[in-house]
Amino acid sequence: MPPKIKEHMCPLCKGTGFPKSVEPTRPGRKIYPVRCVSCQGKGKISESA
């Protein structure tokens, strides 16, 4: 039987996979979404129980 895997929403990006950028935005400057470091852009964190 495979081990149980518990998944919960990533608190860093709130399940989106892309946390809000904290860089100051200037008009005309594009901010490219950066993948969440906590969940690798998945939006969920898996824990092996």
PDB file of N, CA and C in Angstrom:
ATOM      1  N   MET A   1       0.838  -1.192   0.000  1.00  0.00           N
ATOM      2  CA  MET A   1       0.000   0.000   0.000  1.00  0.00           C
ATOM      3  C   MET A   1       0.885   1.258   0.000  1.00  0.00           C
ATOM      4  N   PRO A   2       0.621   2.202  -0.918  1.00  0.00           N
ATOM      5  CA  PRO A   2       1.455   3.402  -0.954  1.00  0.00           C
ATOM      6  C   PRO A   2       1.243   4.281   0.274  1.00  0.00           C
ATOM      7  N   PRO A   3       2.272   5.028   0.682  1.00  0.00           N
ATOM      8  CA  PRO A   3       2.116   5.892   1.854  1.00  0.00           C
ATOM      9  C   PRO A   3       1.100   6.989   1.594  1.00  0.00           C
ATOM     10  N   LYS A   4       0.406   7.379   2.646  1.00  0.00           N
ATOM     11  CA  LYS A   4      -0.597   8.433   2.504  1.00  0.00           C
ATOM     12  C   LYS A   4       0.096   9.766   2.280  1.00  0.00           C
ATOM     13  N   ILE A   5      -0.410  10.515   1.321  1.00  0.00           N
ATOM     14  CA  ILE A   5       0.147  11.838   1.040  1.00  0.00           C
ATOM     15  C   ILE A   5      -0.913  12.882   1.370  1.00  0.00           C
ATOM     16  N   LYS A   6      -0.505  13.769   2.262  1.00  0.00           N
ATOM     17  CA  LYS A   6      -1.413  14.834   2.674  1.00  0.00           C
ATOM     18  C   LYS A   6      -1.068  16.078   1.873  1.00  0.00           C
ATOM     19  N   GLU A   7      -2.081  16.703   1.282  1.00  0.00           N
ATOM     20  CA  GLU A   7      -1.851  17.924   0.523  1.00  0.00           C
ATOM     21  C   GLU A   7      -2.586  19.072   1.174  1.00  0.00           C
ATOM     22  N   HIS A   8      -1.929  20.204   1.236  1.00  0.00           N
ATOM     23  CA  HIS A   8      -2.625  21.393   1.707  1.00  0.00           C
ATOM     24  C   HIS A   8      -2.187  22.593   0.870  1.00  0.00           C
ATOM     25  N   MET A   9      -3.023  23.619   0.881  1.00  0.00           N
ATOM     26  CA  MET A   9      -2.748  24.796   0.079  1.00  0.00           C
ATOM     27  C   MET A   9      -1.487  25.488   0.555  1.00  0.00           C
ATOM     28  N   CYS A  10      -0.683  25.938  -0.394  1.00  0.00           N
ATOM     29  CA  CYS A  10       0.557  26.635  -0.055  1.00  0.00           C
ATOM     30  C   CYS A  10       0.230  28.000   0.548  1.00  0.00           C
ATOM     31  N   PRO A  11       0.721  28.280   1.761  1.00  0.00           N
ATOM     32  CA  PRO A  11       0.416  29.565   2.396  1.00  0.00           C
ATOM     33  C   PRO A  11       1.143  30.743   1.758  1.00  0.00           C
ATOM     34  N   LEU A  12       2.251  30.458   1.096  1.00  0.00           N
ATOM     35  CA  LEU A  12       3.044  31.528   0.504  1.00  0.00           C
ATOM     36  C   LEU A  12       2.349  32.171  -0.703  1.00  0.00           C
ATOM     37  N   CYS A  13       1.786  31.329  -1.566  1.00  0.00           N
ATOM     38  CA  CYS A  13       1.156  31.853  -2.782  1.00  0.00           C
ATOM     39  C   CYS A  13      -0.367  31.702  -2.752  1.00  0.00           C
ATOM     40  N   LYS A  14      -0.899  31.169  -1.644  1.00  0.00           N
ATOM     41  CA  LYS A  14      -2.339  30.959  -1.463  1.00  0.00           C
ATOM     42  C   LYS A  14      -2.952  30.088  -2.563  1.00  0.00           C
ATOM     43  N   GLY A  15      -2.208  29.067  -2.962  1.00  0.00           N
ATOM     44  CA  GLY A  15      -2.733  28.101  -3.922  1.00  0.00           C
ATOM     45  C   GLY A  15      -2.611  28.499  -5.382  1.00  0.00           C
ATOM     46  N   THR A  16      -2.045  29.661  -5.663  1.00  0.00           N
ATOM     47  CA  THR A  16      -1.959  30.099  -7.055  1.00  0.00           C
ATOM     48  C   THR A  16      -0.719  29.571  -7.755  1.00  0.00           C
ATOM     49  N   GLY A  17       0.338  29.290  -6.990  1.00  0.00           N
ATOM     50  CA  GLY A  17       1.592  28.840  -7.587  1.00  0.00           C
ATOM     51  C   GLY A  17       2.523  29.999  -7.908  1.00  0.00           C
ATOM     52  N   PHE A  18       1.968  31.202  -7.876  1.00  0.00           N
ATOM     53  CA  PHE A  18       2.760  32.397  -8.161  1.00  0.00           C
ATOM     54  C   PHE A  18       2.494  33.449  -7.092  1.00  0.00           C
ATOM     55  N   PRO A  19       3.405  33.602  -6.118  1.00  0.00           N
ATOM     56  CA  PRO A  19       3.188  34.610  -5.080  1.00  0.00           C
ATOM     57  C   PRO A  19       3.276  36.011  -5.663  1.00  0.00           C
ATOM     58  N   LYS A  20       2.607  36.944  -5.025  1.00  0.00           N
ATOM     59  CA  LYS A  20       2.634  38.330  -5.493  1.00  0.00           C
ATOM     60  C   LYS A  20       4.058  38.864  -5.404  1.00  0.00           C
ATOM     61  N   SER A  21       4.471  39.590  -6.426  1.00  0.00           N
ATOM     62  CA  SER A  21       5.817  40.146  -6.414  1.00  0.00           C
ATOM     63  C   SER A  21       5.838  41.348  -5.486  1.00  0.00           C
ATOM     64  N   VAL A  22       6.930  41.469  -4.735  1.00  0.00           N
ATOM     65  CA  VAL A  22       7.051  42.548  -3.776  1.00  0.00           C
ATOM     66  C   VAL A  22       7.901  43.686  -4.328  1.00  0.00           C
ATOM     67  N   GLU A  23       8.284  43.580  -5.606  1.00  0.00           N
ATOM     68  CA  GLU A  23       9.071  44.633  -6.226  1.00  0.00           C
ATOM     69  C   GLU A  23       8.188  45.839  -6.492  1.00  0.00           C
ATOM     70  N   PRO A  24       8.733  47.031  -6.337  1.00  0.00           N
ATOM     71  CA  PRO A  24       7.941  48.214  -6.676  1.00  0.00           C
ATOM     72  C   PRO A  24       7.714  48.275  -8.183  1.00  0.00           C
ATOM     73  N   THR A  25       6.478  48.500  -8.574  1.00  0.00           N
ATOM     74  CA  THR A  25       6.171  48.533  -9.999  1.00  0.00           C
ATOM     75  C   THR A  25       6.198  49.964 -10.507  1.00  0.00           C
ATOM     76  N   ARG A  26       6.835  50.115 -11.659  1.00  0.00           N
ATOM     77  CA  ARG A  26       6.853  51.428 -12.310  1.00  0.00           C
ATOM     78  C   ARG A  26       6.023  51.313 -13.573  1.00  0.00           C
ATOM     79  N   PRO A  27       5.364  52.392 -13.972  1.00  0.00           N
ATOM     80  CA  PRO A  27       4.564  52.332 -15.197  1.00  0.00           C
ATOM     81  C   PRO A  27       5.413  51.903 -16.391  1.00  0.00           C
ATOM     82  N   GLY A  28       4.867  50.992 -17.189  1.00  0.00           N
ATOM     83  CA  GLY A  28       5.585  50.535 -18.370  1.00  0.00           C
ATOM     84  C   GLY A  28       6.548  49.395 -18.111  1.00  0.00           C
ATOM     85  N   ARG A  29       6.686  49.001 -16.853  1.00  0.00           N
ATOM     86  CA  ARG A  29       7.604  47.914 -16.527  1.00  0.00           C
ATOM     87  C   ARG A  29       6.809  46.628 -16.321  1.00  0.00           C
ATOM     88  N   LYS A  30       7.180  45.585 -17.027  1.00  0.00           N
ATOM     89  CA  LYS A  30       6.470  44.311 -16.889  1.00  0.00           C
ATOM     90  C   LYS A  30       7.074  43.502 -15.764  1.00  0.00           C
ATOM     91  N   ILE A  31       6.197  42.881 -14.968  1.00  0.00           N
ATOM     92  CA  ILE A  31       6.674  41.980 -13.917  1.00  0.00           C
ATOM     93  C   ILE A  31       6.266  40.584 -14.352  1.00  0.00           C
ATOM     94  N   TYR A  32       7.247  39.752 -14.536  1.00  0.00           N
ATOM     95  CA  TYR A  32       6.944  38.387 -14.935  1.00  0.00           C
ATOM     96  C   TYR A  32       6.674  37.563 -13.689  1.00  0.00           C
ATOM     97  N   PRO A  33       5.630  36.732 -13.734  1.00  0.00           N
ATOM     98  CA  PRO A  33       5.334  35.923 -12.554  1.00  0.00           C
ATOM     99  C   PRO A  33       6.474  34.973 -12.223  1.00  0.00           C
ATOM    100  N   VAL A  34       6.806  34.905 -10.972  1.00  0.00           N
ATOM    101  CA  VAL A  34       7.883  34.031 -10.516  1.00  0.00           C
ATOM    102  C   VAL A  34       7.249  32.852  -9.800  1.00  0.00           C
ATOM    103  N   ARG A  35       7.701  31.674 -10.150  1.00  0.00           N
ATOM    104  CA  ARG A  35       7.171  30.463  -9.537  1.00  0.00           C
ATOM    105  C   ARG A  35       7.437  30.458  -8.032  1.00  0.00           C
ATOM    106  N   CYS A  36       6.460  30.016  -7.283  1.00  0.00           N
ATOM    107  CA  CYS A  36       6.569  29.967  -5.823  1.00  0.00           C
ATOM    108  C   CYS A  36       7.685  29.002  -5.413  1.00  0.00           C
ATOM    109  N   VAL A  37       8.565  29.475  -4.523  1.00  0.00           N
ATOM    110  CA  VAL A  37       9.681  28.632  -4.099  1.00  0.00           C
ATOM    111  C   VAL A  37       9.234  27.548  -3.124  1.00  0.00           C
ATOM    112  N   SER A  38       8.136  27.801  -2.438  1.00  0.00           N
ATOM    113  CA  SER A  38       7.662  26.855  -1.434  1.00  0.00           C
ATOM    114  C   SER A  38       7.010  25.619  -2.052  1.00  0.00           C
ATOM    115  N   CYS A  39       6.220  25.816  -3.115  1.00  0.00           N
ATOM    116  CA  CYS A  39       5.486  24.685  -3.702  1.00  0.00           C
ATOM    117  C   CYS A  39       5.893  24.395  -5.149  1.00  0.00           C
ATOM    118  N   GLN A  40       6.923  25.084  -5.657  1.00  0.00           N
ATOM    119  CA  GLN A  40       7.402  24.923  -7.029  1.00  0.00           C
ATOM    120  C   GLN A  40       6.314  25.212  -8.070  1.00  0.00           C
ATOM    121  N   GLY A  41       5.450  26.161  -7.765  1.00  0.00           N
ATOM    122  CA  GLY A  41       4.423  26.571  -8.714  1.00  0.00           C
ATOM    123  C   GLY A  41       3.198  25.677  -8.767  1.00  0.00           C
ATOM    124  N   LYS A  42       3.108  24.721  -7.855  1.00  0.00           N
ATOM    125  CA  LYS A  42       1.965  23.803  -7.869  1.00  0.00           C
ATOM    126  C   LYS A  42       0.752  24.361  -7.129  1.00  0.00           C
ATOM    127  N   GLY A  43       1.005  25.202  -6.122  1.00  0.00           N
ATOM    128  CA  GLY A  43      -0.102  25.750  -5.343  1.00  0.00           C
ATOM    129  C   GLY A  43      -0.480  24.880  -4.157  1.00  0.00           C
ATOM    130  N   LYS A  44       0.073  23.654  -4.147  1.00  0.00           N
ATOM    131  CA  LYS A  44      -0.191  22.734  -3.047  1.00  0.00           C
ATOM    132  C   LYS A  44       1.120  22.176  -2.535  1.00  0.00           C
ATOM    133  N   ILE A  45       1.149  21.910  -1.234  1.00  0.00           N
ATOM    134  CA  ILE A  45       2.331  21.305  -0.631  1.00  0.00           C
ATOM    135  C   ILE A  45       1.954  19.887  -0.221  1.00  0.00           C
ATOM    136  N   SER A  46       2.716  18.936  -0.691  1.00  0.00           N
ATOM    137  CA  SER A  46       2.454  17.536  -0.368  1.00  0.00           C
ATOM    138  C   SER A  46       3.357  17.098   0.780  1.00  0.00           C
ATOM    139  N   GLU A  47       2.760  16.392   1.711  1.00  0.00           N
ATOM    140  CA  GLU A  47       3.540  15.863   2.837  1.00  0.00           C
ATOM    141  C   GLU A  47       3.330  14.366   2.909  1.00  0.00           C
ATOM    142  N   SER A  48       4.409  13.629   2.897  1.00  0.00           N
ATOM    143  CA  SER A  48       4.305  12.179   3.058  1.00  0.00           C
ATOM    144  C   SER A  48       4.092  11.879   4.524  1.00  0.00           C
ATOM    145  N   ALA A  49       3.005  11.179   4.806  1.00  0.00           N
ATOM    146  CA  ALA A  49       2.683  10.873   6.200  1.00  0.00           C
ATOM    147  C   ALA A  49       3.319   9.569   6.635  1.00  0.00           C
TER     148      ALA A  49
END
